[in-house]
Amino acid sequence: MKKIFTLVMLAAMAISVNAQDEKFAIEEGQEVSDGQTLEANSRKNATSVAITFGADGKWAAAKAEGSLSEFTAYISGGNNPKDGELNGTSSAGGGYSITGKNLPKSGCYYTFKPTKDGSLKIGIMLNGNKSFYVVKEDGTAISDFDIKDKEGTTVALRVFEQDASTFASAAEKVYGYVTFNVEKEKTYYVFCTGSKLGLYGFIFNETAATIDPATTAAIKAEIDAAASGETAIETVKAADAENAVIYNLAGQKVDNSFKGVVIKNGKKMIQK
């Protein structure tokens, strides 16, 4: 009986060890170079995720600012991500679009390639009103992600703008985390157009994260609309204002009975 108990305990310990997070953190003052690839190494022989930095030409030394609970410093490039090759020390070409699926080739962007299925929790510094994307290696944008600030509060991502197609943008600068699930041997691009996304590091876990579909409904609607040749902005403008989709600040779809601050037709308003 004692032998069986011991075996069970050893098995439980092995499962616990295998389920541990693998953490990669940027250190203050750390420098990276164009196209450099680093691997997670929080415990011996832990190499489950490779991260590659884009051909930016202006990577700056990491600085400590807006520290998160798991991280202390972030790094960012000096160029916006674009689909052309690096031209000297400047990125060239155009920004990513959902329909074009034109992945960035230069500027500030990051790619992650896991060797196992699981989830990634990435520490980021995201400037306000900048379009944030998580994109698969085939250029397809995903909607199943969430962003939380450093206090753990879900950040409401605004999808619709009156005059410009701004995708999944936060109203204010965010020091926080983006979480999404990953498949082994697949490459994921993480970036924001028109800006330089700051990276603190990441935590990989072999367990899938639970992403509340309600928080990504607006993002999915934008992707689906763009994929069908429309834009969510056109869809909203064409709709009767009274029948427009309404979201709360957590990105959840609500109806006219909801009381409080809502986003309707791309505008923040108070619904009484």
Protein backbone atom coordinates (compact mmCIF):
# COMPACT_ATOMS: atom_id res chain seq x y z
CA MET A 1 0.00 0.00 0.00
CA LYS A 2 2.84 2.35 0.89
CA LYS A 3 4.53 1.62 -2.45
CA ILE A 4 1.34 2.45 -4.37
CA PHE A 5 0.92 5.70 -2.42
CA THR A 6 4.50 6.65 -3.20
CA LEU A 7 4.00 6.00 -6.91
CA VAL A 8 0.83 8.09 -6.91
CA MET A 9 2.64 10.95 -5.18
CA LEU A 10 5.52 10.77 -7.66
CA ALA A 11 3.08 10.83 -10.57
CA ALA A 12 1.27 13.83 -9.09
CA MET A 13 4.57 15.63 -8.61
CA ALA A 14 5.56 14.89 -12.21
CA ILE A 15 2.25 16.30 -13.49
CA SER A 16 2.72 19.38 -11.32
CA VAL A 17 6.24 19.95 -12.66
CA ASN A 18 5.11 19.47 -16.27
CA ALA A 19 2.31 21.99 -15.76
CA GLN A 20 4.62 24.72 -14.50
CA ASP A 21 4.77 28.00 -16.36
CA GLU A 22 7.74 28.72 -18.58
CA LYS A 23 8.62 32.37 -18.24
CA PHE A 24 10.78 34.62 -20.37
CA ALA A 25 11.32 38.15 -19.06
CA ILE A 26 13.04 41.17 -20.57
CA GLU A 27 15.59 42.70 -18.20
CA GLU A 28 16.21 46.43 -17.79
CA GLY A 29 18.90 47.59 -20.18
CA GLN A 30 18.65 44.43 -22.30
CA GLU A 31 19.27 44.90 -26.01
CA VAL A 32 18.14 42.78 -28.96
CA SER A 33 19.08 42.80 -32.62
CA ASP A 34 17.04 42.49 -35.81
CA GLY A 35 15.78 38.97 -36.36
CA GLN A 36 17.21 37.71 -33.07
CA THR A 37 15.54 34.57 -31.71
CA LEU A 38 15.40 33.81 -27.98
CA GLU A 39 13.97 30.84 -26.14
CA ALA A 40 12.08 30.52 -22.86
CA ASN A 41 14.38 29.13 -20.20
CA SER A 42 12.74 29.53 -16.80
CA ARG A 43 13.72 26.02 -15.78
CA LYS A 44 16.36 23.60 -17.00
CA ASN A 45 15.94 22.62 -20.65
CA ALA A 46 12.69 24.59 -20.99
CA THR A 47 12.62 25.62 -24.64
CA SER A 48 8.93 25.38 -25.49
CA VAL A 49 8.59 28.77 -27.16
CA ALA A 50 10.93 30.65 -29.48
CA ILE A 51 10.44 34.40 -29.82
CA THR A 52 11.85 36.35 -32.76
CA PHE A 53 12.19 40.13 -32.92
CA GLY A 54 11.35 41.88 -36.19
CA ALA A 55 13.79 43.60 -38.54
CA ASP A 56 13.22 46.98 -36.95
CA GLY A 57 16.58 48.69 -37.28
CA LYS A 58 16.01 50.76 -34.14
CA TRP A 59 15.58 48.39 -31.21
CA ALA A 60 16.22 50.37 -28.03
CA ALA A 61 17.55 49.11 -24.69
CA ALA A 62 14.75 47.90 -22.41
CA LYS A 63 13.49 50.28 -19.76
CA ALA A 64 11.60 49.79 -16.52
CA GLU A 65 8.22 51.50 -16.69
CA GLY A 66 4.67 50.59 -15.69
CA SER A 67 6.00 47.41 -14.06
CA LEU A 68 3.72 44.38 -14.06
CA SER A 69 3.55 41.79 -11.28
CA GLU A 70 5.50 39.19 -13.29
CA PHE A 71 7.74 41.58 -15.24
CA THR A 72 9.85 44.68 -14.65
CA ALA A 73 11.01 46.12 -17.99
CA TYR A 74 9.87 46.28 -21.60
CA ILE A 75 11.59 46.59 -24.95
CA SER A 76 10.30 48.14 -28.17
CA GLY A 77 11.55 49.12 -31.61
CA GLY A 78 11.58 52.49 -33.31
CA ASN A 79 9.52 51.73 -36.43
CA ASN A 80 5.90 50.85 -37.09
CA PRO A 81 5.36 47.30 -38.45
CA LYS A 82 4.98 47.24 -42.25
CA ASP A 83 4.89 44.62 -44.99
CA GLY A 84 8.02 45.79 -46.85
CA GLU A 85 11.66 44.94 -46.24
CA LEU A 86 13.71 47.17 -43.95
CA ASN A 87 14.98 50.23 -45.85
CA GLY A 88 18.11 51.31 -44.03
CA THR A 89 16.83 52.01 -40.53
CA SER A 90 13.19 52.55 -41.55
CA SER A 91 10.37 50.10 -42.16
CA ALA A 92 8.81 50.19 -45.62
CA GLY A 93 5.50 49.28 -47.22
CA GLY A 94 2.06 49.35 -45.66
CA GLY A 95 0.41 48.27 -42.45
CA TYR A 96 -1.41 44.96 -41.97
CA SER A 97 -5.04 44.57 -43.03
CA ILE A 98 -7.45 41.75 -42.27
CA THR A 99 -8.39 41.27 -45.92
CA GLY A 100 -4.86 41.65 -47.29
CA LYS A 101 -3.33 39.28 -44.71
CA ASN A 102 -0.04 41.08 -45.36
CA LEU A 103 2.22 40.08 -42.49
CA PRO A 104 4.84 42.57 -41.30
CA LYS A 105 8.38 42.12 -42.59
CA SER A 106 9.96 45.13 -40.90
CA GLY A 107 9.34 47.37 -37.93
CA CYS A 108 8.38 46.51 -34.35
CA TYR A 109 6.69 43.12 -34.23
CA TYR A 110 7.20 39.83 -32.44
CA THR A 111 6.70 36.22 -33.51
CA PHE A 112 6.14 33.29 -31.17
CA LYS A 113 6.54 29.64 -32.14
CA PRO A 114 5.67 27.03 -29.49
CA THR A 115 6.79 23.40 -29.66
CA LYS A 116 3.70 22.35 -27.68
CA ASP A 117 0.00 23.18 -27.55
CA GLY A 118 -0.91 25.55 -24.74
CA SER A 119 -1.43 29.22 -24.00
CA LEU A 120 0.64 32.39 -24.01
CA LYS A 121 0.29 35.27 -21.58
CA ILE A 122 2.35 38.17 -22.94
CA GLY A 123 3.27 41.30 -21.01
CA ILE A 124 2.73 44.35 -23.25
CA MET A 125 2.77 48.14 -23.34
CA LEU A 126 0.04 49.13 -25.81
CA ASN A 127 -0.44 52.78 -26.76
CA GLY A 128 -3.98 54.13 -26.85
CA ASN A 129 -6.01 54.20 -30.08
CA LYS A 130 -3.65 51.84 -31.91
CA SER A 131 -4.88 48.72 -33.71
CA PHE A 132 -3.71 45.58 -31.92
CA TYR A 133 -3.44 42.20 -33.66
CA VAL A 134 -2.64 38.58 -32.99
CA VAL A 135 -2.16 36.97 -36.41
CA LYS A 136 -1.50 33.40 -37.52
CA GLU A 137 1.35 32.53 -39.87
CA ASP A 138 -1.04 32.48 -42.85
CA GLY A 139 -2.01 36.10 -42.20
CA THR A 140 -5.36 35.34 -40.53
CA ALA A 141 -6.20 37.58 -37.57
CA ILE A 142 -7.64 35.82 -34.53
CA SER A 143 -10.32 37.17 -32.21
CA ASP A 144 -9.91 34.70 -29.34
CA PHE A 145 -7.70 36.79 -27.09
CA ASP A 146 -8.22 39.11 -24.19
CA ILE A 147 -6.27 42.01 -22.75
CA LYS A 148 -6.14 42.81 -19.05
CA ASP A 149 -4.42 45.73 -17.36
CA LYS A 150 -1.89 45.21 -14.57
CA GLU A 151 -4.69 45.18 -11.99
CA GLY A 152 -6.32 42.26 -13.80
CA THR A 153 -9.25 44.25 -15.19
CA THR A 154 -10.37 43.39 -18.72
CA VAL A 155 -9.59 46.22 -21.13
CA ALA A 156 -12.49 47.22 -23.37
CA LEU A 157 -11.23 47.21 -26.95
CA ARG A 158 -13.04 49.63 -29.23
CA VAL A 159 -13.63 48.25 -32.69
CA PHE A 160 -15.57 50.98 -34.48
CA GLU A 161 -14.38 54.51 -35.24
CA GLN A 162 -16.33 57.20 -37.04
CA ASP A 163 -13.81 58.16 -39.71
CA ALA A 164 -11.02 55.55 -39.63
CA SER A 165 -10.92 51.77 -39.52
CA THR A 166 -9.29 51.31 -36.13
CA PHE A 167 -9.31 47.69 -35.08
CA ALA A 168 -9.35 46.50 -31.46
CA SER A 169 -7.91 49.60 -29.86
CA ALA A 170 -7.78 50.65 -26.22
CA ALA A 171 -8.80 54.20 -25.35
CA GLU A 172 -5.79 54.73 -23.07
CA LYS A 173 -2.24 53.39 -22.86
CA VAL A 174 -2.23 49.87 -21.40
CA TYR A 175 0.42 48.23 -19.27
CA GLY A 176 -0.92 44.71 -19.06
CA TYR A 177 -1.28 41.28 -20.58
CA VAL A 178 -2.68 39.69 -23.72
CA THR A 179 -3.63 36.00 -23.46
CA PHE A 180 -4.41 33.56 -26.27
CA ASN A 181 -4.15 29.86 -27.05
CA VAL A 182 -1.49 28.44 -29.35
CA GLU A 183 -0.87 25.29 -31.36
CA LYS A 184 2.50 23.56 -31.51
CA GLU A 185 4.80 24.38 -34.42
CA LYS A 186 2.57 27.29 -35.48
CA THR A 187 3.92 30.84 -35.66
CA TYR A 188 1.98 33.79 -34.22
CA TYR A 189 2.64 37.46 -35.00
CA VAL A 190 1.86 40.03 -32.29
CA PHE A 191 1.95 43.76 -33.10
CA CYS A 192 -0.04 46.98 -33.37
CA THR A 193 -0.21 49.07 -36.52
CA GLY A 194 0.79 52.70 -36.42
CA SER A 195 2.78 52.21 -33.24
CA LYS A 196 5.55 50.31 -31.49
CA LEU A 197 4.25 47.59 -29.16
CA GLY A 198 6.28 47.23 -25.98
CA LEU A 199 7.13 43.69 -24.80
CA TYR A 200 7.92 42.72 -21.20
CA GLY A 201 8.15 38.99 -21.84
CA PHE A 202 5.79 36.04 -21.82
CA ILE A 203 4.56 33.07 -19.83
CA PHE A 204 3.81 29.79 -21.59
CA ASN A 205 1.63 27.06 -20.10
CA GLU A 206 0.72 23.71 -21.60
CA THR A 207 -2.85 24.22 -20.35
CA ALA A 208 -5.26 26.09 -22.61
CA ALA A 209 -6.52 29.42 -21.28
CA THR A 210 -10.23 30.15 -20.99
CA ILE A 211 -11.06 33.10 -23.23
CA ASP A 212 -14.57 34.41 -22.63
CA PRO A 213 -16.20 34.62 -26.10
CA ALA A 214 -18.35 37.51 -24.91
CA THR A 215 -15.29 39.72 -24.53
CA THR A 216 -14.22 39.05 -28.12
CA ALA A 217 -17.59 39.30 -29.86
CA ALA A 218 -16.94 42.76 -31.28
CA ILE A 219 -13.47 41.78 -32.50
CA LYS A 220 -14.83 38.65 -34.20
CA ALA A 221 -17.55 40.72 -35.87
CA GLU A 222 -14.91 43.02 -37.33
CA ILE A 223 -12.84 40.12 -38.66
CA ASP A 224 -15.88 38.39 -40.16
CA ALA A 225 -17.12 41.62 -41.76
CA ALA A 226 -13.70 42.36 -43.27
CA ALA A 227 -13.33 38.80 -44.53
CA SER A 228 -16.66 39.12 -46.34
CA GLY A 229 -15.52 42.28 -48.12
CA GLU A 230 -17.33 44.69 -45.82
CA THR A 231 -16.17 46.71 -42.86
CA ALA A 232 -17.80 46.84 -39.49
CA ILE A 233 -17.92 50.63 -39.83
CA GLU A 234 -20.00 50.39 -43.01
CA THR A 235 -22.22 47.80 -41.38
CA VAL A 236 -22.84 50.01 -38.37
CA LYS A 237 -23.45 53.14 -40.44
CA ALA A 238 -25.93 51.29 -42.61
CA ALA A 239 -27.84 50.03 -39.61
CA ASP A 240 -30.63 51.88 -37.93
CA ALA A 241 -29.11 53.64 -34.90
CA GLU A 242 -31.82 52.22 -32.67
CA ASN A 243 -30.98 48.67 -33.74
CA ALA A 244 -27.17 48.98 -33.60
CA VAL A 245 -25.27 46.44 -31.54
CA ILE A 246 -24.42 47.70 -28.05
CA TYR A 247 -21.40 46.64 -25.97
CA ASN A 248 -20.49 47.30 -22.37
CA LEU A 249 -16.94 48.35 -21.41
CA ALA A 250 -15.93 44.70 -21.05
CA GLY A 251 -16.71 44.14 -24.73
CA GLN A 252 -19.84 42.11 -23.96
CA LYS A 253 -22.95 42.50 -26.10
CA VAL A 254 -25.86 44.00 -24.14
CA ASP A 255 -29.36 45.22 -24.98
CA ASN A 256 -31.28 48.44 -24.40
CA SER A 257 -32.18 47.39 -20.87
CA PHE A 258 -28.54 47.65 -19.77
CA LYS A 259 -27.85 50.71 -17.59
CA GLY A 260 -24.47 52.42 -17.58
CA VAL A 261 -21.63 53.30 -19.94
CA VAL A 262 -21.89 51.53 -23.32
CA ILE A 263 -20.31 51.63 -26.77
CA LYS A 264 -22.82 52.12 -29.58
CA ASN A 265 -22.07 53.10 -33.18
CA GLY A 266 -18.45 53.48 -32.18
CA LYS A 267 -19.26 56.07 -29.52
CA LYS A 268 -19.08 55.82 -25.76
CA MET A 269 -22.29 56.96 -24.10
CA ILE A 270 -24.35 56.56 -20.95
CA GLN A 271 -27.50 54.47 -21.32
CA LYS A 272 -30.15 55.29 -18.72
